[in-house]
Every structure is written in structure tokens, then in C-alpha cells.
Amino acid sequence: MYIKDDGDFYNLDSFRKYASTMYWALQTLTTVGYGDFSPTNSADMIIACVWMFVGAAANSITLGQFTSMIIDNFSKEDSLKSKLSALD
């Protein structure tokens, strides 16, 4: 995080505070973790936030499509079973 070792967060300007808190929140919510490497300035934090958001969106879309395929497969099976039972 952009906070210095002495914890001097309160003396930062408003933009750097906002960038630091948004970076921390997105890093926590996307479960990226705090890792060995972290951005050191506001521009790096904004880029990291964009990449975390893109990664979370890509993960959500992929998982949603996979779930949709499974549900669609089950609904086709149910439709086929109901048609076959109507024929009997």
C-alpha cells in the first residue's frame, strides 16, 4: 500500500488516500491477497484496481457461462423425459 512504514496515512492528500483505500478494498474483495509486491504510487494502484476488476469480471463471466451450460443441459433432459413420458 502507499502508506509509509511509519503509518503516515493521515498526512496524505485526499487523492492518495482515496487511491489507497480503493486499492485495499478491491484487493481484499477480489481475494488477490497482499503478496510480496505492491504498488508504490497512485497510478500503480489505479492500474492494479482496474486489473483486479477485470479479473473478477472475467472470472464471474466464465463461471456464469459454465453454470448456464449445466442448467441448460438439465432442462433439456427434463424436457426430453417429459416428452417421452407423454408418449408412453
PDB file of N, CA and C in Angstrom:
ATOM      1  N   MET A   1       0.846  -1.167   0.000  1.00  0.00           N
ATOM      2  CA  MET A   1       0.000   0.000   0.000  1.00  0.00           C
ATOM      3  C   MET A   1       0.893   1.232   0.000  1.00  0.00           C
ATOM      4  N   TYR A   2       0.340   2.367  -0.297  1.00  0.00           N
ATOM      5  CA  TYR A   2       1.107   3.597  -0.409  1.00  0.00           C
ATOM      6  C   TYR A   2       1.481   4.167   0.957  1.00  0.00           C
ATOM      7  N   ILE A   3       1.047   3.543   2.009  1.00  0.00           N
ATOM      8  CA  ILE A   3       1.329   4.035   3.348  1.00  0.00           C
ATOM      9  C   ILE A   3       2.797   3.773   3.679  1.00  0.00           C
ATOM     10  N   LYS A   4       3.434   4.762   4.212  1.00  0.00           N
ATOM     11  CA  LYS A   4       4.840   4.615   4.573  1.00  0.00           C
ATOM     12  C   LYS A   4       4.966   3.703   5.784  1.00  0.00           C
ATOM     13  N   ASP A   5       6.193   3.296   6.062  1.00  0.00           N
ATOM     14  CA  ASP A   5       6.436   2.391   7.182  1.00  0.00           C
ATOM     15  C   ASP A   5       5.996   2.976   8.513  1.00  0.00           C
ATOM     16  N   ASP A   6       6.001   4.295   8.628  1.00  0.00           N
ATOM     17  CA  ASP A   6       5.622   4.898   9.895  1.00  0.00           C
ATOM     18  C   ASP A   6       4.104   5.050  10.031  1.00  0.00           C
ATOM     19  N   GLY A   7       3.322   4.543   9.062  1.00  0.00           N
ATOM     20  CA  GLY A   7       1.862   4.597   9.145  1.00  0.00           C
ATOM     21  C   GLY A   7       1.322   5.998   8.948  1.00  0.00           C
ATOM     22  N   ASP A   8       1.970   6.793   8.123  1.00  0.00           N
ATOM     23  CA  ASP A   8       1.617   8.196   7.942  1.00  0.00           C
ATOM     24  C   ASP A   8       0.482   8.364   6.931  1.00  0.00           C
ATOM     25  N   PHE A   9      -0.584   7.616   7.084  1.00  0.00           N
ATOM     26  CA  PHE A   9      -1.714   7.646   6.154  1.00  0.00           C
ATOM     27  C   PHE A   9      -2.497   8.939   6.268  1.00  0.00           C
ATOM     28  N   TYR A  10      -2.637   9.471   7.439  1.00  0.00           N
ATOM     29  CA  TYR A  10      -3.475  10.648   7.667  1.00  0.00           C
ATOM     30  C   TYR A  10      -2.884  11.920   7.075  1.00  0.00           C
ATOM     31  N   ASN A  11      -1.598  11.939   6.803  1.00  0.00           N
ATOM     32  CA  ASN A  11      -0.963  13.125   6.233  1.00  0.00           C
ATOM     33  C   ASN A  11      -0.925  13.111   4.707  1.00  0.00           C
ATOM     34  N   LEU A  12      -1.477  12.077   4.077  1.00  0.00           N
ATOM     35  CA  LEU A  12      -1.517  12.026   2.614  1.00  0.00           C
ATOM     36  C   LEU A  12      -2.597  12.963   2.102  1.00  0.00           C
ATOM     37  N   ASP A  13      -2.461  13.386   0.823  1.00  0.00           N
ATOM     38  CA  ASP A  13      -3.506  14.211   0.240  1.00  0.00           C
ATOM     39  C   ASP A  13      -4.733  13.339  -0.060  1.00  0.00           C
ATOM     40  N   SER A  14      -5.850  13.967  -0.334  1.00  0.00           N
ATOM     41  CA  SER A  14      -7.126  13.255  -0.489  1.00  0.00           C
ATOM     42  C   SER A  14      -7.084  12.224  -1.607  1.00  0.00           C
ATOM     43  N   PHE A  15      -6.477  12.549  -2.744  1.00  0.00           N
ATOM     44  CA  PHE A  15      -6.430  11.603  -3.864  1.00  0.00           C
ATOM     45  C   PHE A  15      -5.649  10.353  -3.492  1.00  0.00           C
ATOM     46  N   ARG A  16      -4.519  10.517  -2.824  1.00  0.00           N
ATOM     47  CA  ARG A  16      -3.717   9.345  -2.443  1.00  0.00           C
ATOM     48  C   ARG A  16      -4.424   8.511  -1.378  1.00  0.00           C
ATOM     49  N   LYS A  17      -5.154   9.156  -0.485  1.00  0.00           N
ATOM     50  CA  LYS A  17      -5.958   8.402   0.493  1.00  0.00           C
ATOM     51  C   LYS A  17      -7.024   7.586  -0.224  1.00  0.00           C
ATOM     52  N   TYR A  18      -7.719   8.231  -1.161  1.00  0.00           N
ATOM     53  CA  TYR A  18      -8.770   7.541  -1.912  1.00  0.00           C
ATOM     54  C   TYR A  18      -8.192   6.383  -2.715  1.00  0.00           C
ATOM     55  N   ALA A  19      -7.078   6.606  -3.401  1.00  0.00           N
ATOM     56  CA  ALA A  19      -6.447   5.540  -4.184  1.00  0.00           C
ATOM     57  C   ALA A  19      -6.014   4.393  -3.280  1.00  0.00           C
ATOM     58  N   SER A  20      -5.451   4.714  -2.130  1.00  0.00           N
ATOM     59  CA  SER A  20      -5.003   3.662  -1.210  1.00  0.00           C
ATOM     60  C   SER A  20      -6.162   2.847  -0.663  1.00  0.00           C
ATOM     61  N   THR A  21      -7.240   3.531  -0.291  1.00  0.00           N
ATOM     62  CA  THR A  21      -8.378   2.791   0.267  1.00  0.00           C
ATOM     63  C   THR A  21      -9.093   1.973  -0.792  1.00  0.00           C
ATOM     64  N   MET A  22      -9.216   2.505  -2.010  1.00  0.00           N
ATOM     65  CA  MET A  22      -9.848   1.732  -3.089  1.00  0.00           C
ATOM     66  C   MET A  22      -9.001   0.520  -3.446  1.00  0.00           C
ATOM     67  N   TYR A  23      -7.688   0.705  -3.479  1.00  0.00           N
ATOM     68  CA  TYR A  23      -6.790  -0.406  -3.760  1.00  0.00           C
ATOM     69  C   TYR A  23      -6.922  -1.481  -2.689  1.00  0.00           C
ATOM     70  N   TRP A  24      -6.912  -1.084  -1.433  1.00  0.00           N
ATOM     71  CA  TRP A  24      -7.038  -2.048  -0.339  1.00  0.00           C
ATOM     72  C   TRP A  24      -8.377  -2.783  -0.416  1.00  0.00           C
ATOM     73  N   ALA A  25      -9.474  -2.045  -0.673  1.00  0.00           N
ATOM     74  CA  ALA A  25     -10.800  -2.663  -0.720  1.00  0.00           C
ATOM     75  C   ALA A  25     -10.904  -3.656  -1.871  1.00  0.00           C
ATOM     76  N   LEU A  26     -10.452  -3.273  -3.053  1.00  0.00           N
ATOM     77  CA  LEU A  26     -10.521  -4.196  -4.195  1.00  0.00           C
ATOM     78  C   LEU A  26      -9.606  -5.392  -3.999  1.00  0.00           C
ATOM     79  N   GLN A  27      -8.456  -5.163  -3.425  1.00  0.00           N
ATOM     80  CA  GLN A  27      -7.523  -6.260  -3.179  1.00  0.00           C
ATOM     81  C   GLN A  27      -8.128  -7.259  -2.203  1.00  0.00           C
ATOM     82  N   THR A  28      -8.837  -6.766  -1.212  1.00  0.00           N
ATOM     83  CA  THR A  28      -9.474  -7.639  -0.231  1.00  0.00           C
ATOM     84  C   THR A  28     -10.685  -8.349  -0.831  1.00  0.00           C
ATOM     85  N   LEU A  29     -11.536  -7.618  -1.537  1.00  0.00           N
ATOM     86  CA  LEU A  29     -12.766  -8.199  -2.084  1.00  0.00           C
ATOM     87  C   LEU A  29     -12.496  -9.202  -3.197  1.00  0.00           C
ATOM     88  N   THR A  30     -11.470  -8.978  -3.994  1.00  0.00           N
ATOM     89  CA  THR A  30     -11.168  -9.918  -5.068  1.00  0.00           C
ATOM     90  C   THR A  30     -10.284 -11.061  -4.591  1.00  0.00           C
ATOM     91  N   THR A  31      -9.968 -11.080  -3.330  1.00  0.00           N
ATOM     92  CA  THR A  31      -9.139 -12.100  -2.676  1.00  0.00           C
ATOM     93  C   THR A  31      -7.811 -12.305  -3.387  1.00  0.00           C
ATOM     94  N   VAL A  32      -7.247 -11.241  -3.916  1.00  0.00           N
ATOM     95  CA  VAL A  32      -5.935 -11.308  -4.541  1.00  0.00           C
ATOM     96  C   VAL A  32      -4.870 -11.517  -3.479  1.00  0.00           C
ATOM     97  N   GLY A  33      -5.087 -10.953  -2.327  1.00  0.00           N
ATOM     98  CA  GLY A  33      -4.128 -11.073  -1.237  1.00  0.00           C
ATOM     99  C   GLY A  33      -3.172  -9.903  -1.240  1.00  0.00           C
ATOM    100  N   TYR A  34      -2.315  -9.867  -0.257  1.00  0.00           N
ATOM    101  CA  TYR A  34      -1.439  -8.722  -0.109  1.00  0.00           C
ATOM    102  C   TYR A  34      -0.057  -8.971  -0.679  1.00  0.00           C
ATOM    103  N   GLY A  35       0.336 -10.200  -0.909  1.00  0.00           N
ATOM    104  CA  GLY A  35       1.520 -10.570  -1.677  1.00  0.00           C
ATOM    105  C   GLY A  35       2.821  -9.892  -1.303  1.00  0.00           C
ATOM    106  N   ASP A  36       3.839 -10.228  -2.069  1.00  0.00           N
ATOM    107  CA  ASP A  36       5.173  -9.676  -1.846  1.00  0.00           C
ATOM    108  C   ASP A  36       5.362  -8.340  -2.550  1.00  0.00           C
ATOM    109  N   PHE A  37       4.657  -8.137  -3.660  1.00  0.00           N
ATOM    110  CA  PHE A  37       4.819  -6.927  -4.448  1.00  0.00           C
ATOM    111  C   PHE A  37       3.540  -6.111  -4.370  1.00  0.00           C
ATOM    112  N   SER A  38       3.674  -4.834  -4.150  1.00  0.00           N
ATOM    113  CA  SER A  38       2.504  -3.964  -4.112  1.00  0.00           C
ATOM    114  C   SER A  38       2.868  -2.636  -4.758  1.00  0.00           C
ATOM    115  N   PRO A  39       1.873  -1.944  -5.309  1.00  0.00           N
ATOM    116  CA  PRO A  39       2.149  -0.665  -5.959  1.00  0.00           C
ATOM    117  C   PRO A  39       2.651   0.370  -4.947  1.00  0.00           C
ATOM    118  N   THR A  40       3.445   1.289  -5.439  1.00  0.00           N
ATOM    119  CA  THR A  40       4.033   2.278  -4.544  1.00  0.00           C
ATOM    120  C   THR A  40       3.511   3.684  -4.781  1.00  0.00           C
ATOM    121  N   ASN A  41       2.762   3.900  -5.869  1.00  0.00           N
ATOM    122  CA  ASN A  41       2.211   5.231  -6.106  1.00  0.00           C
ATOM    123  C   ASN A  41       0.763   5.118  -6.577  1.00  0.00           C
ATOM    124  N   SER A  42       0.100   6.236  -6.686  1.00  0.00           N
ATOM    125  CA  SER A  42      -1.329   6.246  -7.001  1.00  0.00           C
ATOM    126  C   SER A  42      -1.625   5.680  -8.382  1.00  0.00           C
ATOM    127  N   ALA A  43      -0.794   5.986  -9.361  1.00  0.00           N
ATOM    128  CA  ALA A  43      -1.026   5.477 -10.719  1.00  0.00           C
ATOM    129  C   ALA A  43      -0.959   3.956 -10.746  1.00  0.00           C
ATOM    130  N   ASP A  44       0.023   3.393 -10.064  1.00  0.00           N
ATOM    131  CA  ASP A  44       0.134   1.932  -9.996  1.00  0.00           C
ATOM    132  C   ASP A  44      -1.068   1.319  -9.299  1.00  0.00           C
ATOM    133  N   MET A  45      -1.567   1.977  -8.253  1.00  0.00           N
ATOM    134  CA  MET A  45      -2.735   1.468  -7.535  1.00  0.00           C
ATOM    135  C   MET A  45      -3.974   1.476  -8.419  1.00  0.00           C
ATOM    136  N   ILE A  46      -4.130   2.523  -9.209  1.00  0.00           N
ATOM    137  CA  ILE A  46      -5.292   2.601 -10.099  1.00  0.00           C
ATOM    138  C   ILE A  46      -5.216   1.510 -11.157  1.00  0.00           C
ATOM    139  N   ILE A  47      -4.039   1.301 -11.730  1.00  0.00           N
ATOM    140  CA  ILE A  47      -3.873   0.229 -12.720  1.00  0.00           C
ATOM    141  C   ILE A  47      -4.142  -1.126 -12.086  1.00  0.00           C
ATOM    142  N   ALA A  48      -3.641  -1.346 -10.880  1.00  0.00           N
ATOM    143  CA  ALA A  48      -3.891  -2.612 -10.181  1.00  0.00           C
ATOM    144  C   ALA A  48      -5.379  -2.796  -9.906  1.00  0.00           C
ATOM    145  N   CYS A  49      -6.078  -1.724  -9.538  1.00  0.00           N
ATOM    146  CA  CYS A  49      -7.523  -1.808  -9.288  1.00  0.00           C
ATOM    147  C   CYS A  49      -8.272  -2.189 -10.559  1.00  0.00           C
ATOM    148  N   VAL A  50      -7.873  -1.588 -11.679  1.00  0.00           N
ATOM    149  CA  VAL A  50      -8.524  -1.921 -12.956  1.00  0.00           C
ATOM    150  C   VAL A  50      -8.300  -3.390 -13.288  1.00  0.00           C
ATOM    151  N   TRP A  51      -7.066  -3.864 -13.129  1.00  0.00           N
ATOM    152  CA  TRP A  51      -6.776  -5.265 -13.429  1.00  0.00           C
ATOM    153  C   TRP A  51      -7.511  -6.225 -12.489  1.00  0.00           C
ATOM    154  N   MET A  52      -7.629  -5.856 -11.214  1.00  0.00           N
ATOM    155  CA  MET A  52      -8.383  -6.710 -10.286  1.00  0.00           C
ATOM    156  C   MET A  52      -9.852  -6.766 -10.675  1.00  0.00           C
ATOM    157  N   PHE A  53     -10.402  -5.610 -11.077  1.00  0.00           N
ATOM    158  CA  PHE A  53     -11.801  -5.570 -11.501  1.00  0.00           C
ATOM    159  C   PHE A  53     -11.999  -6.399 -12.769  1.00  0.00           C
ATOM    160  N   VAL A  54     -11.091  -6.266 -13.733  1.00  0.00           N
ATOM    161  CA  VAL A  54     -11.176  -7.048 -14.975  1.00  0.00           C
ATOM    162  C   VAL A  54     -11.061  -8.541 -14.668  1.00  0.00           C
ATOM    163  N   GLY A  55     -10.156  -8.902 -13.782  1.00  0.00           N
ATOM    164  CA  GLY A  55     -10.008 -10.314 -13.414  1.00  0.00           C
ATOM    165  C   GLY A  55     -11.242 -10.868 -12.728  1.00  0.00           C
ATOM    166  N   ALA A  56     -11.829 -10.089 -11.835  1.00  0.00           N
ATOM    167  CA  ALA A  56     -13.047 -10.540 -11.156  1.00  0.00           C
ATOM    168  C   ALA A  56     -14.200 -10.650 -12.144  1.00  0.00           C
ATOM    169  N   ALA A  57     -14.292  -9.714 -13.078  1.00  0.00           N
ATOM    170  CA  ALA A  57     -15.357  -9.764 -14.084  1.00  0.00           C
ATOM    171  C   ALA A  57     -15.176 -10.972 -15.007  1.00  0.00           C
ATOM    172  N   ALA A  58     -13.952 -11.230 -15.442  1.00  0.00           N
ATOM    173  CA  ALA A  58     -13.688 -12.386 -16.306  1.00  0.00           C
ATOM    174  C   ALA A  58     -14.002 -13.686 -15.585  1.00  0.00           C
ATOM    175  N   ASN A  59     -13.639 -13.763 -14.319  1.00  0.00           N
ATOM    176  CA  ASN A  59     -13.937 -14.953 -13.536  1.00  0.00           C
ATOM    177  C   ASN A  59     -15.447 -15.139 -13.389  1.00  0.00           C
ATOM    178  N   SER A  60     -16.160 -14.064 -13.140  1.00  0.00           N
ATOM    179  CA  SER A  60     -17.614 -14.140 -12.980  1.00  0.00           C
ATOM    180  C   SER A  60     -18.301 -14.553 -14.276  1.00  0.00           C
ATOM    181  N   ILE A  61     -17.853 -13.998 -15.388  1.00  0.00           N
ATOM    182  CA  ILE A  61     -18.449 -14.344 -16.682  1.00  0.00           C
ATOM    183  C   ILE A  61     -18.203 -15.806 -17.006  1.00  0.00           C
ATOM    184  N   THR A  62     -16.978 -16.269 -16.792  1.00  0.00           N
ATOM    185  CA  THR A  62     -16.654 -17.668 -17.065  1.00  0.00           C
ATOM    186  C   THR A  62     -17.480 -18.607 -16.200  1.00  0.00           C
ATOM    187  N   LEU A  63     -17.566 -18.320 -14.920  1.00  0.00           N
ATOM    188  CA  LEU A  63     -18.345 -19.163 -14.015  1.00  0.00           C
ATOM    189  C   LEU A  63     -19.830 -19.113 -14.366  1.00  0.00           C
ATOM    190  N   GLY A  64     -20.337 -17.944 -14.743  1.00  0.00           N
ATOM    191  CA  GLY A  64     -21.733 -17.815 -15.140  1.00  0.00           C
ATOM    192  C   GLY A  64     -22.056 -18.604 -16.394  1.00  0.00           C
ATOM    193  N   GLN A  65     -21.169 -18.565 -17.371  1.00  0.00           N
ATOM    194  CA  GLN A  65     -21.385 -19.323 -18.607  1.00  0.00           C
ATOM    195  C   GLN A  65     -21.355 -20.828 -18.335  1.00  0.00           C
ATOM    196  N   PHE A  66     -20.435 -21.259 -17.504  1.00  0.00           N
ATOM    197  CA  PHE A  66     -20.344 -22.685 -17.165  1.00  0.00           C
ATOM    198  C   PHE A  66     -21.607 -23.141 -16.442  1.00  0.00           C
ATOM    199  N   THR A  67     -22.073 -22.345 -15.494  1.00  0.00           N
ATOM    200  CA  THR A  67     -23.297 -22.680 -14.765  1.00  0.00           C
ATOM    201  C   THR A  67     -24.493 -22.695 -15.701  1.00  0.00           C
ATOM    202  N   SER A  68     -24.550 -21.758 -16.625  1.00  0.00           N
ATOM    203  CA  SER A  68     -25.643 -21.702 -17.586  1.00  0.00           C
ATOM    204  C   SER A  68     -25.663 -22.948 -18.478  1.00  0.00           C
ATOM    205  N   MET A  69     -24.476 -23.415 -18.881  1.00  0.00           N
ATOM    206  CA  MET A  69     -24.420 -24.629 -19.701  1.00  0.00           C
ATOM    207  C   MET A  69     -24.945 -25.833 -18.932  1.00  0.00           C
ATOM    208  N   ILE A  70     -24.590 -25.954 -17.675  1.00  0.00           N
ATOM    209  CA  ILE A  70     -25.048 -27.086 -16.858  1.00  0.00           C
ATOM    210  C   ILE A  70     -26.558 -27.033 -16.678  1.00  0.00           C
ATOM    211  N   ILE A  71     -27.086 -25.867 -16.350  1.00  0.00           N
ATOM    212  CA  ILE A  71     -28.534 -25.727 -16.148  1.00  0.00           C
ATOM    213  C   ILE A  71     -29.282 -26.003 -17.436  1.00  0.00           C
ATOM    214  N   ASP A  72     -28.752 -25.518 -18.562  1.00  0.00           N
ATOM    215  CA  ASP A  72     -29.385 -25.751 -19.856  1.00  0.00           C
ATOM    216  C   ASP A  72     -29.422 -27.241 -20.179  1.00  0.00           C
ATOM    217  N   ASN A  73     -28.358 -27.953 -19.849  1.00  0.00           N
ATOM    218  CA  ASN A  73     -28.304 -29.393 -20.088  1.00  0.00           C
ATOM    219  C   ASN A  73     -29.362 -30.121 -19.255  1.00  0.00           C
ATOM    220  N   PHE A  74     -29.505 -29.734 -17.991  1.00  0.00           N
ATOM    221  CA  PHE A  74     -30.512 -30.366 -17.141  1.00  0.00           C
ATOM    222  C   PHE A  74     -31.923 -30.054 -17.622  1.00  0.00           C
ATOM    223  N   SER A  75     -32.166 -28.850 -18.101  1.00  0.00           N
ATOM    224  CA  SER A  75     -33.511 -28.506 -18.571  1.00  0.00           C
ATOM    225  C   SER A  75     -33.846 -29.259 -19.851  1.00  0.00           C
ATOM    226  N   LYS A  76     -32.856 -29.493 -20.711  1.00  0.00           N
ATOM    227  CA  LYS A  76     -33.100 -30.284 -21.923  1.00  0.00           C
ATOM    228  C   LYS A  76     -33.428 -31.724 -21.561  1.00  0.00           C
ATOM    229  N   GLU A  77     -32.724 -32.278 -20.570  1.00  0.00           N
ATOM    230  CA  GLU A  77     -33.010 -33.643 -20.132  1.00  0.00           C
ATOM    231  C   GLU A  77     -34.413 -33.743 -19.551  1.00  0.00           C
ATOM    232  N   ASP A  78     -34.804 -32.775 -18.742  1.00  0.00           N
ATOM    233  CA  ASP A  78     -36.152 -32.774 -18.162  1.00  0.00           C
ATOM    234  C   ASP A  78     -37.219 -32.656 -19.243  1.00  0.00           C
ATOM    235  N   SER A  79     -36.969 -31.836 -20.253  1.00  0.00           N
ATOM    236  CA  SER A  79     -37.915 -31.675 -21.348  1.00  0.00           C
ATOM    237  C   SER A  79     -38.047 -32.979 -22.122  1.00  0.00           C
ATOM    238  N   LEU A  80     -36.940 -33.644 -22.386  1.00  0.00           N
ATOM    239  CA  LEU A  80     -36.966 -34.912 -23.101  1.00  0.00           C
ATOM    240  C   LEU A  80     -37.706 -35.973 -22.296  1.00  0.00           C
ATOM    241  N   LYS A  81     -37.452 -36.030 -20.996  1.00  0.00           N
ATOM    242  CA  LYS A  81     -38.137 -37.005 -20.147  1.00  0.00           C
ATOM    243  C   LYS A  81     -39.641 -36.766 -20.123  1.00  0.00           C
ATOM    244  N   SER A  82     -40.056 -35.515 -20.062  1.00  0.00           N
ATOM    245  CA  SER A  82     -41.498 -35.234 -20.040  1.00  0.00           C
ATOM    246  C   SER A  82     -42.142 -35.580 -21.378  1.00  0.00           C
ATOM    247  N   LYS A  83     -41.448 -35.346 -22.469  1.00  0.00           N
ATOM    248  CA  LYS A  83     -41.993 -35.722 -23.792  1.00  0.00           C
ATOM    249  C   LYS A  83     -42.088 -37.224 -23.945  1.00  0.00           C
ATOM    250  N   LEU A  84     -41.063 -37.957 -23.460  1.00  0.00           N
ATOM    251  CA  LEU A  84     -41.104 -39.419 -23.539  1.00  0.00           C
ATOM    252  C   LEU A  84     -42.203 -40.002 -22.650  1.00  0.00           C
ATOM    253  N   SER A  85     -42.404 -39.405 -21.489  1.00  0.00           N
ATOM    254  CA  SER A  85     -43.472 -39.919 -20.637  1.00  0.00           C
ATOM    255  C   SER A  85     -44.842 -39.596 -21.223  1.00  0.00           C
ATOM    256  N   ALA A  86     -44.966 -38.519 -21.955  1.00  0.00           N
ATOM    257  CA  ALA A  86     -46.238 -38.199 -22.632  1.00  0.00           C
ATOM    258  C   ALA A  86     -46.508 -39.179 -23.756  1.00  0.00           C
ATOM    259  N   LEU A  87     -45.474 -39.651 -24.414  1.00  0.00           N
ATOM    260  CA  LEU A  87     -45.646 -40.632 -25.477  1.00  0.00           C
ATOM    261  C   LEU A  87     -46.059 -42.004 -24.927  1.00  0.00           C
ATOM    262  N   ASP A  88     -45.604 -42.334 -23.733  1.00  0.00           N
ATOM    263  CA  ASP A  88     -45.959 -43.621 -23.113  1.00  0.00           C
ATOM    264  C   ASP A  88     -47.393 -43.554 -22.688  1.00  0.00           C
TER     265      ASP A  88
END
